[in-house]
C-alpha atoms as a PDB file:
ATOM      1  CA  MET A   1       0.000   0.000   0.000  1.00  0.00           C
ATOM      2  CA  ILE A   2       1.554   3.312  -1.101  1.00  0.00           C
ATOM      3  CA  ASN A   3       1.084   6.267   1.230  1.00  0.00           C
ATOM      4  CA  LEU A   4       1.584  10.030   1.123  1.00  0.00           C
ATOM      5  CA  ILE A   5       5.082   9.926   2.660  1.00  0.00           C
ATOM      6  CA  GLU A   6       6.269   7.533  -0.034  1.00  0.00           C
ATOM      7  CA  MET A   7       4.700   9.667  -2.748  1.00  0.00           C
ATOM      8  CA  ILE A   8       6.338  12.936  -1.658  1.00  0.00           C
ATOM      9  CA  ALA A   9       9.731  11.542  -0.604  1.00  0.00           C
ATOM     10  CA  ASP A  10      12.682  12.144  -2.896  1.00  0.00           C
ATOM     11  CA  PRO A  11      13.220   8.892  -4.855  1.00  0.00           C
ATOM     12  CA  GLU A  12      16.963   9.315  -4.260  1.00  0.00           C
ATOM     13  CA  ASP A  13      16.263   8.767  -0.539  1.00  0.00           C
ATOM     14  CA  CYS A  14      14.152   5.616  -0.941  1.00  0.00           C
ATOM     15  CA  ALA A  15      14.951   2.022  -1.837  1.00  0.00           C
ATOM     16  CA  PHE A  16      13.988  -1.645  -1.591  1.00  0.00           C
ATOM     17  CA  ASP A  17      17.345  -2.298   0.117  1.00  0.00           C
ATOM     18  CA  GLN A  18      16.221  -4.078   3.275  1.00  0.00           C
ATOM     19  CA  PRO A  19      16.820  -7.713   4.350  1.00  0.00           C
ATOM     20  CA  CYS A  20      13.134  -8.405   3.655  1.00  0.00           C
ATOM     21  CA  GLU A  21      12.092  -8.202   0.009  1.00  0.00           C
ATOM     22  CA  PHE A  22       8.983  -6.188   0.975  1.00  0.00           C
ATOM     23  CA  GLY A  23      10.793  -3.502   2.995  1.00  0.00           C
ATOM     24  CA  TYR A  24      10.791  -0.098   1.268  1.00  0.00           C
ATOM     25  CA  ARG A  25      13.030   2.388   3.097  1.00  0.00           C
ATOM     26  CA  VAL A  26      12.161   6.088   3.176  1.00  0.00           C
ATOM     27  CA  GLU A  27      15.364   7.681   4.508  1.00  0.00           C
ATOM     28  CA  HIS A  28      15.087   9.326   7.950  1.00  0.00           C
ATOM     29  CA  HIS A  29      11.459   8.250   8.242  1.00  0.00           C
ATOM     30  CA  ALA A  30      10.411   4.577   8.136  1.00  0.00           C
ATOM     31  CA  VAL A  31      10.520   1.273   6.306  1.00  0.00           C
ATOM     32  CA  TYR A  32       7.178   0.391   4.746  1.00  0.00           C
ATOM     33  CA  CYS A  33       6.033  -3.148   4.073  1.00  0.00           C
ATOM     34  CA  HIS A  34       4.967  -3.784   0.497  1.00  0.00           C
ATOM     35  CA  SER A  35       3.775  -7.346   1.055  1.00  0.00           C
ATOM     36  CA  ASP A  36       0.451  -7.960  -0.661  1.00  0.00           C
ATOM     37  CA  HIS A  37      -0.662 -10.269   2.152  1.00  0.00           C
ATOM     38  CA  PRO A  38      -3.833  -8.753   3.703  1.00  0.00           C
ATOM     39  CA  ASN A  39      -2.530  -9.229   7.271  1.00  0.00           C
ATOM     40  CA  ALA A  40       0.872  -7.638   6.711  1.00  0.00           C
ATOM     41  CA  LEU A  41       1.642  -4.521   8.723  1.00  0.00           C
ATOM     42  CA  ARG A  42       2.000  -1.190   6.903  1.00  0.00           C
ATOM     43  CA  LYS A  43       5.366  -0.387   8.515  1.00  0.00           C
ATOM     44  CA  CYS A  44       8.243  -2.736   9.270  1.00  0.00           C
ATOM     45  CA  ARG A  45       8.997  -2.098  12.933  1.00  0.00           C
ATOM     46  CA  ARG A  46      11.805  -4.595  13.126  1.00  0.00           C
ATOM     47  CA  THR A  47      15.571  -4.469  12.450  1.00  0.00           C
ATOM     48  CA  TRP A  48      15.767  -0.870  11.185  1.00  0.00           C
ATOM     49  CA  TYR A  49      13.171   0.495  13.610  1.00  0.00           C
ATOM     50  CA  THR A  50      14.426  -1.285  16.745  1.00  0.00           C
ATOM     51  CA  GLY A  51      18.154  -0.987  16.060  1.00  0.00           C
ATOM     52  CA  GLY A  52      18.427  -4.752  15.642  1.00  0.00           C
ATOM     53  CA  LYS A  53      16.633  -5.806  18.845  1.00  0.00           C
ATOM     54  CA  ILE A  54      13.811  -7.388  16.814  1.00  0.00           C
ATOM     55  CA  LYS A  55      14.854  -8.990  13.540  1.00  0.00           C
ATOM     56  CA  ASP A  56      13.106  -8.750  10.164  1.00  0.00           C
ATOM     57  CA  GLU A  57      13.350 -12.532   9.911  1.00  0.00           C
ATOM     58  CA  ASP A  58      10.925 -12.876  12.847  1.00  0.00           C
ATOM     59  CA  CYS A  59       8.034 -11.423  10.827  1.00  0.00           C
ATOM     60  CA  GLU A  60       5.663 -14.118   9.560  1.00  0.00           C
ATOM     61  CA  PHE A  61       5.546 -12.392   6.142  1.00  0.00           C
ATOM     62  CA  TYR A  62       9.338 -12.158   5.819  1.00  0.00           C
ATOM     63  CA  LYS A  63      10.800 -13.112   2.466  1.00  0.00           C
ATOM     64  CA  LEU A  64      14.548 -12.889   1.873  1.00  0.00           C
ATOM     65  CA  ASN A  65      15.553 -10.049  -0.447  1.00  0.00           C
ATOM     66  CA  PRO A  66      17.878 -11.641  -3.035  1.00  0.00           C
ATOM     67  CA  ASN A  67      19.422  -8.200  -3.726  1.00  0.00           C
ATOM     68  CA  PHE A  68      20.266  -7.409  -0.086  1.00  0.00           C
ATOM     69  CA  LYS A  69      23.976  -6.857   0.564  1.00  0.00           C
END
C-alpha cells in the first residue's frame, strides 16, 4: 500500500534495500512493508526500527531479499 510519505519523498532517498524483500526504506522516516498479504503490517517495525533488537526474519511475512547486501 503506497502512502503520502512515499509519494512525496525524494526517490533518491528511498529504496527496496532491506533484508526483507517487501521492505521499502524512506530515509530518515520509516521502512514500509509492500507485502500484498492482507494481514501484513503497513510499517516494518523490526531491524531498522528497533536498532536490531527485533529482527526482520521474525516477521511471519518475511521473504529474503535476493538483492540485499
